[in-house]
Amino acid sequence: MTEHERTQCATLAALLHAAALLALWGFALSAISAAVLALVLPDLGFTATLCFGATALLGLLERYFAFRLRFDERLFDGLAQGRVVSLLSLDVALERLGLRTAPRPERGLEERMRATRQLLQRHGVLVACQSAMFVLALITETLK
């Protein structure tokens, strides 16, 4: 890998590290929603129950996205630091761990970075949806 490519990897790893705060927010919304449902479900209105439930259920997908982004962060950091020596060696390691299906055309660094940024955007949209559902639950419950 070139010095420029290593710098790109380091920059993306730093962005993913910063985005971990978003994952923490999504997890907090899920945990609070689940706790509210577990503790005061009989006293909640229908809309609030649906919104808290949606927030908690969206949290399952949010946790998957957060896991994938954390994994990608470590991989891009490894590429930047030289601990992962090439994309080919990364693909071989992923195949041996069963995380990648064998015969696929090799993806370049740009394509991998684009896919990770798309996953980061989807994660952001998902957490925004969780936030909206949570706020709607709070609003509808206080209007009751």
N, C-alpha and C. Protein backbone atom coordinates (compact mmCIF):
# COMPACT_ATOMS: atom_id res chain seq x y z
N MET A 1 0.84 -1.19 0.00
CA MET A 1 0.00 0.00 0.00
C MET A 1 0.89 1.24 0.00
N THR A 2 0.37 2.26 -0.66
CA THR A 2 1.12 3.51 -0.71
C THR A 2 0.89 4.31 0.57
N GLU A 3 1.72 5.33 0.72
CA GLU A 3 1.59 6.20 1.88
C GLU A 3 0.24 6.93 1.85
N HIS A 4 -0.18 7.32 0.65
CA HIS A 4 -1.47 8.00 0.48
C HIS A 4 -2.63 7.07 0.89
N GLU A 5 -2.57 5.81 0.49
CA GLU A 5 -3.62 4.85 0.84
C GLU A 5 -3.63 4.58 2.35
N ARG A 6 -2.47 4.50 2.95
CA ARG A 6 -2.42 4.31 4.41
C ARG A 6 -3.03 5.50 5.14
N THR A 7 -2.78 6.68 4.61
CA THR A 7 -3.36 7.89 5.22
C THR A 7 -4.88 7.88 5.07
N GLN A 8 -5.38 7.46 3.92
CA GLN A 8 -6.83 7.35 3.73
C GLN A 8 -7.42 6.36 4.74
N CYS A 9 -6.74 5.24 4.93
CA CYS A 9 -7.22 4.24 5.88
C CYS A 9 -7.23 4.79 7.30
N ALA A 10 -6.17 5.51 7.66
CA ALA A 10 -6.10 6.09 9.00
C ALA A 10 -7.20 7.13 9.21
N THR A 11 -7.47 7.91 8.18
CA THR A 11 -8.52 8.93 8.28
C THR A 11 -9.89 8.29 8.44
N LEU A 12 -10.17 7.26 7.67
CA LEU A 12 -11.45 6.57 7.80
C LEU A 12 -11.57 5.90 9.16
N ALA A 13 -10.48 5.31 9.64
CA ALA A 13 -10.50 4.68 10.98
C ALA A 13 -10.80 5.73 12.05
N ALA A 14 -10.24 6.93 11.90
CA ALA A 14 -10.50 8.00 12.87
C ALA A 14 -11.96 8.45 12.81
N LEU A 15 -12.51 8.53 11.60
CA LEU A 15 -13.93 8.88 11.45
C LEU A 15 -14.82 7.83 12.11
N LEU A 16 -14.51 6.57 11.89
CA LEU A 16 -15.29 5.49 12.50
C LEU A 16 -15.16 5.51 14.02
N HIS A 17 -13.98 5.85 14.50
CA HIS A 17 -13.78 5.94 15.96
C HIS A 17 -14.65 7.07 16.54
N ALA A 18 -14.69 8.20 15.84
CA ALA A 18 -15.52 9.32 16.30
C ALA A 18 -17.00 8.96 16.25
N ALA A 19 -17.40 8.16 15.27
CA ALA A 19 -18.80 7.78 15.12
C ALA A 19 -19.26 6.80 16.20
N ALA A 20 -18.34 6.31 16.99
CA ALA A 20 -18.71 5.40 18.08
C ALA A 20 -19.64 6.10 19.08
N LEU A 21 -19.57 7.42 19.15
CA LEU A 21 -20.47 8.18 20.01
C LEU A 21 -21.92 8.02 19.54
N LEU A 22 -22.11 7.98 18.23
CA LEU A 22 -23.43 7.74 17.66
C LEU A 22 -23.95 6.36 18.06
N ALA A 23 -23.06 5.37 18.04
CA ALA A 23 -23.45 4.02 18.45
C ALA A 23 -23.84 3.99 19.93
N LEU A 24 -23.13 4.74 20.73
CA LEU A 24 -23.45 4.81 22.16
C LEU A 24 -24.84 5.43 22.36
N TRP A 25 -25.15 6.46 21.59
CA TRP A 25 -26.46 7.10 21.66
C TRP A 25 -27.56 6.11 21.27
N GLY A 26 -27.35 5.37 20.17
CA GLY A 26 -28.33 4.38 19.73
C GLY A 26 -28.55 3.30 20.77
N PHE A 27 -27.46 2.86 21.39
CA PHE A 27 -27.57 1.84 22.43
C PHE A 27 -28.34 2.38 23.64
N ALA A 28 -28.05 3.62 24.02
CA ALA A 28 -28.75 4.22 25.16
C ALA A 28 -30.24 4.33 24.89
N LEU A 29 -30.61 4.76 23.69
CA LEU A 29 -32.04 4.85 23.35
C LEU A 29 -32.71 3.49 23.44
N SER A 30 -32.03 2.47 22.94
CA SER A 30 -32.59 1.11 22.98
C SER A 30 -32.76 0.62 24.40
N ALA A 31 -31.73 0.82 25.20
CA ALA A 31 -31.76 0.34 26.59
C ALA A 31 -32.84 1.07 27.39
N ILE A 32 -32.92 2.37 27.23
CA ILE A 32 -33.94 3.13 27.97
C ILE A 32 -35.34 2.71 27.52
N SER A 33 -35.52 2.54 26.22
CA SER A 33 -36.84 2.12 25.71
C SER A 33 -37.23 0.75 26.24
N ALA A 34 -36.27 -0.18 26.23
CA ALA A 34 -36.56 -1.52 26.75
C ALA A 34 -36.88 -1.46 28.24
N ALA A 35 -36.15 -0.63 28.98
CA ALA A 35 -36.40 -0.50 30.41
C ALA A 35 -37.79 0.10 30.68
N VAL A 36 -38.15 1.11 29.90
CA VAL A 36 -39.46 1.73 30.06
C VAL A 36 -40.56 0.70 29.79
N LEU A 37 -40.39 -0.07 28.72
CA LEU A 37 -41.38 -1.09 28.40
C LEU A 37 -41.47 -2.15 29.50
N ALA A 38 -40.33 -2.54 30.04
CA ALA A 38 -40.33 -3.58 31.07
C ALA A 38 -40.92 -3.09 32.39
N LEU A 39 -40.71 -1.82 32.69
CA LEU A 39 -41.13 -1.32 34.00
C LEU A 39 -42.53 -0.72 34.04
N VAL A 40 -42.94 -0.05 32.98
CA VAL A 40 -44.22 0.67 33.04
C VAL A 40 -45.15 0.37 31.87
N LEU A 41 -45.00 -0.77 31.25
CA LEU A 41 -45.81 -1.11 30.07
C LEU A 41 -47.31 -0.95 30.31
N PRO A 42 -47.87 -1.44 31.42
CA PRO A 42 -49.33 -1.31 31.60
C PRO A 42 -49.82 0.14 31.67
N ASP A 43 -48.94 1.04 32.06
CA ASP A 43 -49.35 2.44 32.22
C ASP A 43 -49.14 3.28 30.96
N LEU A 44 -48.51 2.70 29.94
CA LEU A 44 -48.21 3.46 28.73
C LEU A 44 -49.40 3.49 27.78
N GLY A 45 -49.51 4.58 27.04
CA GLY A 45 -50.52 4.65 25.99
C GLY A 45 -50.09 3.79 24.81
N PHE A 46 -51.05 3.54 23.91
CA PHE A 46 -50.79 2.67 22.76
C PHE A 46 -49.67 3.20 21.87
N THR A 47 -49.76 4.49 21.52
CA THR A 47 -48.76 5.08 20.63
C THR A 47 -47.38 5.08 21.28
N ALA A 48 -47.31 5.44 22.53
CA ALA A 48 -46.03 5.45 23.23
C ALA A 48 -45.43 4.04 23.30
N THR A 49 -46.28 3.06 23.54
CA THR A 49 -45.81 1.67 23.58
C THR A 49 -45.23 1.26 22.23
N LEU A 50 -45.93 1.61 21.15
CA LEU A 50 -45.43 1.29 19.81
C LEU A 50 -44.10 1.99 19.53
N CYS A 51 -44.01 3.24 19.91
CA CYS A 51 -42.78 4.00 19.64
C CYS A 51 -41.60 3.50 20.47
N PHE A 52 -41.84 3.23 21.75
CA PHE A 52 -40.75 2.66 22.56
C PHE A 52 -40.36 1.29 22.04
N GLY A 53 -41.34 0.50 21.63
CA GLY A 53 -41.06 -0.82 21.06
C GLY A 53 -40.27 -0.72 19.77
N ALA A 54 -40.64 0.22 18.91
CA ALA A 54 -39.91 0.41 17.65
C ALA A 54 -38.48 0.84 17.93
N THR A 55 -38.30 1.72 18.91
CA THR A 55 -36.95 2.17 19.26
C THR A 55 -36.10 1.00 19.73
N ALA A 56 -36.68 0.15 20.56
CA ALA A 56 -35.93 -1.01 21.07
C ALA A 56 -35.63 -2.00 19.94
N LEU A 57 -36.60 -2.25 19.07
CA LEU A 57 -36.38 -3.18 17.97
C LEU A 57 -35.37 -2.65 16.95
N LEU A 58 -35.45 -1.36 16.64
CA LEU A 58 -34.45 -0.76 15.76
C LEU A 58 -33.05 -0.87 16.38
N GLY A 59 -33.02 -0.95 17.70
CA GLY A 59 -31.75 -1.10 18.39
C GLY A 59 -31.03 -2.39 18.05
N LEU A 60 -31.77 -3.42 17.71
CA LEU A 60 -31.12 -4.67 17.31
C LEU A 60 -30.32 -4.48 16.02
N LEU A 61 -30.93 -3.82 15.05
CA LEU A 61 -30.23 -3.53 13.80
C LEU A 61 -29.10 -2.53 14.04
N GLU A 62 -29.34 -1.58 14.90
CA GLU A 62 -28.31 -0.59 15.25
C GLU A 62 -27.09 -1.27 15.84
N ARG A 63 -27.30 -2.25 16.70
CA ARG A 63 -26.17 -2.97 17.31
C ARG A 63 -25.37 -3.72 16.26
N TYR A 64 -26.04 -4.29 15.26
CA TYR A 64 -25.33 -4.98 14.18
C TYR A 64 -24.48 -3.98 13.39
N PHE A 65 -25.09 -2.84 13.03
CA PHE A 65 -24.33 -1.82 12.30
C PHE A 65 -23.14 -1.34 13.13
N ALA A 66 -23.37 -1.12 14.42
CA ALA A 66 -22.29 -0.65 15.29
C ALA A 66 -21.14 -1.68 15.35
N PHE A 67 -21.51 -2.96 15.43
CA PHE A 67 -20.50 -4.02 15.44
C PHE A 67 -19.69 -4.00 14.15
N ARG A 68 -20.38 -3.94 13.02
CA ARG A 68 -19.70 -3.93 11.72
C ARG A 68 -18.79 -2.72 11.57
N LEU A 69 -19.26 -1.56 12.03
CA LEU A 69 -18.44 -0.35 11.92
C LEU A 69 -17.21 -0.44 12.82
N ARG A 70 -17.38 -1.00 14.01
CA ARG A 70 -16.23 -1.17 14.92
C ARG A 70 -15.22 -2.13 14.31
N PHE A 71 -15.72 -3.19 13.69
CA PHE A 71 -14.85 -4.17 13.02
C PHE A 71 -14.09 -3.50 11.87
N ASP A 72 -14.82 -2.74 11.05
CA ASP A 72 -14.18 -2.03 9.94
C ASP A 72 -13.16 -1.02 10.44
N GLU A 73 -13.47 -0.35 11.55
CA GLU A 73 -12.52 0.60 12.13
C GLU A 73 -11.19 -0.09 12.43
N ARG A 74 -11.28 -1.25 13.06
CA ARG A 74 -10.05 -1.98 13.41
C ARG A 74 -9.31 -2.45 12.17
N LEU A 75 -10.05 -2.88 11.14
CA LEU A 75 -9.40 -3.33 9.91
C LEU A 75 -8.70 -2.17 9.20
N PHE A 76 -9.37 -1.03 9.08
CA PHE A 76 -8.74 0.12 8.42
C PHE A 76 -7.57 0.65 9.24
N ASP A 77 -7.68 0.59 10.56
CA ASP A 77 -6.55 0.98 11.40
C ASP A 77 -5.38 0.02 11.18
N GLY A 78 -5.68 -1.27 11.05
CA GLY A 78 -4.63 -2.25 10.78
C GLY A 78 -3.96 -2.01 9.44
N LEU A 79 -4.74 -1.65 8.43
CA LEU A 79 -4.16 -1.31 7.13
C LEU A 79 -3.28 -0.07 7.23
N ALA A 80 -3.75 0.93 7.97
CA ALA A 80 -2.99 2.17 8.12
C ALA A 80 -1.68 1.95 8.86
N GLN A 81 -1.71 1.10 9.88
CA GLN A 81 -0.52 0.87 10.70
C GLN A 81 0.42 -0.17 10.10
N GLY A 82 -0.03 -0.86 9.07
CA GLY A 82 0.80 -1.88 8.44
C GLY A 82 0.69 -3.25 9.08
N ARG A 83 -0.21 -3.40 10.07
CA ARG A 83 -0.42 -4.71 10.68
C ARG A 83 -1.15 -5.65 9.73
N VAL A 84 -1.98 -5.09 8.86
CA VAL A 84 -2.59 -5.83 7.75
C VAL A 84 -1.80 -5.38 6.53
N VAL A 85 -1.04 -6.30 5.94
CA VAL A 85 -0.05 -5.89 4.95
C VAL A 85 -0.63 -5.58 3.58
N SER A 86 -1.76 -6.19 3.22
CA SER A 86 -2.35 -5.93 1.91
C SER A 86 -3.82 -6.31 1.92
N LEU A 87 -4.53 -5.84 0.91
CA LEU A 87 -5.94 -6.19 0.79
C LEU A 87 -6.11 -7.67 0.50
N LEU A 88 -5.16 -8.24 -0.25
CA LEU A 88 -5.22 -9.67 -0.54
C LEU A 88 -5.08 -10.49 0.74
N SER A 89 -4.14 -10.12 1.60
CA SER A 89 -3.97 -10.86 2.85
C SER A 89 -5.19 -10.68 3.75
N LEU A 90 -5.80 -9.52 3.70
CA LEU A 90 -7.04 -9.29 4.45
C LEU A 90 -8.14 -10.21 3.95
N ASP A 91 -8.29 -10.31 2.63
CA ASP A 91 -9.32 -11.19 2.07
C ASP A 91 -9.08 -12.64 2.43
N VAL A 92 -7.82 -13.07 2.41
CA VAL A 92 -7.49 -14.45 2.78
C VAL A 92 -7.86 -14.70 4.24
N ALA A 93 -7.51 -13.76 5.11
CA ALA A 93 -7.83 -13.92 6.53
C ALA A 93 -9.35 -13.96 6.74
N LEU A 94 -10.09 -13.09 6.06
CA LEU A 94 -11.55 -13.08 6.19
C LEU A 94 -12.16 -14.38 5.68
N GLU A 95 -11.62 -14.92 4.59
CA GLU A 95 -12.10 -16.20 4.07
C GLU A 95 -11.86 -17.33 5.06
N ARG A 96 -10.67 -17.37 5.63
CA ARG A 96 -10.33 -18.44 6.57
C ARG A 96 -11.16 -18.38 7.85
N LEU A 97 -11.60 -17.19 8.21
CA LEU A 97 -12.47 -17.04 9.38
C LEU A 97 -13.94 -17.26 9.04
N GLY A 98 -14.22 -17.46 7.75
CA GLY A 98 -15.60 -17.66 7.33
C GLY A 98 -16.40 -16.37 7.24
N LEU A 99 -15.71 -15.24 7.18
CA LEU A 99 -16.39 -13.95 7.11
C LEU A 99 -16.53 -13.41 5.69
N ARG A 100 -15.99 -14.13 4.75
CA ARG A 100 -16.06 -13.74 3.34
C ARG A 100 -16.17 -15.01 2.51
N THR A 101 -17.05 -14.99 1.54
CA THR A 101 -17.16 -16.16 0.67
C THR A 101 -15.98 -16.18 -0.29
N ALA A 102 -15.52 -17.36 -0.61
CA ALA A 102 -14.26 -17.54 -1.33
C ALA A 102 -14.18 -16.83 -2.69
N PRO A 103 -14.64 -17.42 -3.77
CA PRO A 103 -14.32 -16.83 -5.06
C PRO A 103 -15.15 -15.59 -5.39
N ARG A 104 -14.61 -14.44 -5.05
CA ARG A 104 -15.20 -13.16 -5.41
C ARG A 104 -14.09 -12.30 -5.99
N PRO A 105 -14.41 -11.42 -6.91
CA PRO A 105 -13.35 -10.56 -7.43
C PRO A 105 -12.81 -9.65 -6.32
N GLU A 106 -11.53 -9.41 -6.38
CA GLU A 106 -10.91 -8.58 -5.35
C GLU A 106 -11.45 -7.16 -5.42
N ARG A 107 -11.80 -6.63 -4.26
CA ARG A 107 -12.29 -5.25 -4.18
C ARG A 107 -11.12 -4.34 -3.88
N GLY A 108 -11.10 -3.20 -4.52
CA GLY A 108 -10.06 -2.22 -4.28
C GLY A 108 -10.34 -1.43 -3.01
N LEU A 109 -9.37 -0.65 -2.61
CA LEU A 109 -9.49 0.15 -1.40
C LEU A 109 -10.62 1.17 -1.51
N GLU A 110 -10.74 1.83 -2.66
CA GLU A 110 -11.79 2.83 -2.83
C GLU A 110 -13.18 2.23 -2.65
N GLU A 111 -13.40 1.05 -3.21
CA GLU A 111 -14.70 0.40 -3.09
C GLU A 111 -14.98 0.01 -1.64
N ARG A 112 -13.97 -0.47 -0.95
CA ARG A 112 -14.14 -0.84 0.47
C ARG A 112 -14.45 0.39 1.32
N MET A 113 -13.75 1.47 1.05
CA MET A 113 -13.99 2.69 1.81
C MET A 113 -15.39 3.25 1.53
N ARG A 114 -15.81 3.19 0.28
CA ARG A 114 -17.15 3.66 -0.08
C ARG A 114 -18.22 2.82 0.63
N ALA A 115 -18.03 1.51 0.66
CA ALA A 115 -19.00 0.63 1.33
C ALA A 115 -19.06 0.93 2.83
N THR A 116 -17.93 1.19 3.43
CA THR A 116 -17.90 1.51 4.86
C THR A 116 -18.57 2.85 5.14
N ARG A 117 -18.33 3.84 4.28
CA ARG A 117 -19.00 5.13 4.46
C ARG A 117 -20.51 4.99 4.29
N GLN A 118 -20.96 4.14 3.36
CA GLN A 118 -22.39 3.91 3.20
C GLN A 118 -22.98 3.26 4.44
N LEU A 119 -22.26 2.31 5.01
CA LEU A 119 -22.72 1.67 6.24
C LEU A 119 -22.80 2.70 7.37
N LEU A 120 -21.83 3.59 7.44
CA LEU A 120 -21.84 4.64 8.45
C LEU A 120 -23.05 5.56 8.25
N GLN A 121 -23.37 5.90 7.01
CA GLN A 121 -24.53 6.73 6.74
C GLN A 121 -25.83 6.01 7.13
N ARG A 122 -25.93 4.75 6.79
CA ARG A 122 -27.12 3.98 7.17
C ARG A 122 -27.27 3.91 8.67
N HIS A 123 -26.15 3.75 9.36
CA HIS A 123 -26.18 3.71 10.82
C HIS A 123 -26.69 5.05 11.36
N GLY A 124 -26.22 6.14 10.79
CA GLY A 124 -26.67 7.46 11.22
C GLY A 124 -28.16 7.65 11.00
N VAL A 125 -28.66 7.22 9.85
CA VAL A 125 -30.09 7.31 9.56
C VAL A 125 -30.89 6.47 10.55
N LEU A 126 -30.39 5.28 10.84
CA LEU A 126 -31.08 4.40 11.77
C LEU A 126 -31.16 5.01 13.17
N VAL A 127 -30.06 5.59 13.64
CA VAL A 127 -30.07 6.23 14.96
C VAL A 127 -30.97 7.46 14.95
N ALA A 128 -31.02 8.17 13.84
CA ALA A 128 -31.95 9.31 13.73
C ALA A 128 -33.40 8.82 13.82
N CYS A 129 -33.70 7.70 13.19
CA CYS A 129 -35.05 7.12 13.29
C CYS A 129 -35.35 6.70 14.72
N GLN A 130 -34.38 6.08 15.37
CA GLN A 130 -34.56 5.71 16.77
C GLN A 130 -34.86 6.95 17.61
N SER A 131 -34.10 8.01 17.38
CA SER A 131 -34.28 9.25 18.14
C SER A 131 -35.67 9.83 17.92
N ALA A 132 -36.11 9.82 16.66
CA ALA A 132 -37.45 10.35 16.35
C ALA A 132 -38.54 9.51 17.03
N MET A 133 -38.40 8.20 17.00
CA MET A 133 -39.38 7.32 17.65
C MET A 133 -39.39 7.56 19.16
N PHE A 134 -38.23 7.73 19.73
CA PHE A 134 -38.12 7.95 21.17
C PHE A 134 -38.78 9.28 21.56
N VAL A 135 -38.49 10.33 20.80
CA VAL A 135 -39.10 11.64 21.09
C VAL A 135 -40.61 11.57 20.91
N LEU A 136 -41.05 10.91 19.85
CA LEU A 136 -42.50 10.75 19.63
C LEU A 136 -43.14 10.00 20.80
N ALA A 137 -42.46 8.98 21.31
CA ALA A 137 -42.99 8.25 22.47
C ALA A 137 -43.11 9.16 23.68
N LEU A 138 -42.10 9.98 23.90
CA LEU A 138 -42.15 10.90 25.04
C LEU A 138 -43.27 11.93 24.86
N ILE A 139 -43.40 12.46 23.67
CA ILE A 139 -44.44 13.47 23.41
C ILE A 139 -45.83 12.89 23.58
N THR A 140 -46.06 11.72 22.99
CA THR A 140 -47.40 11.13 23.07
C THR A 140 -47.74 10.71 24.50
N GLU A 141 -46.74 10.32 25.25
CA GLU A 141 -47.00 9.91 26.63
C GLU A 141 -47.33 11.11 27.50
N THR A 142 -46.67 12.25 27.25
CA THR A 142 -46.97 13.43 28.06
C THR A 142 -48.29 14.05 27.68
N LEU A 143 -48.76 13.81 26.46
CA LEU A 143 -50.06 14.34 26.02
C LEU A 143 -51.22 13.50 26.55
N LYS A 144 -50.95 12.36 27.06
CA LYS A 144 -51.97 11.42 27.52
C LYS A 144 -52.81 11.98 28.65
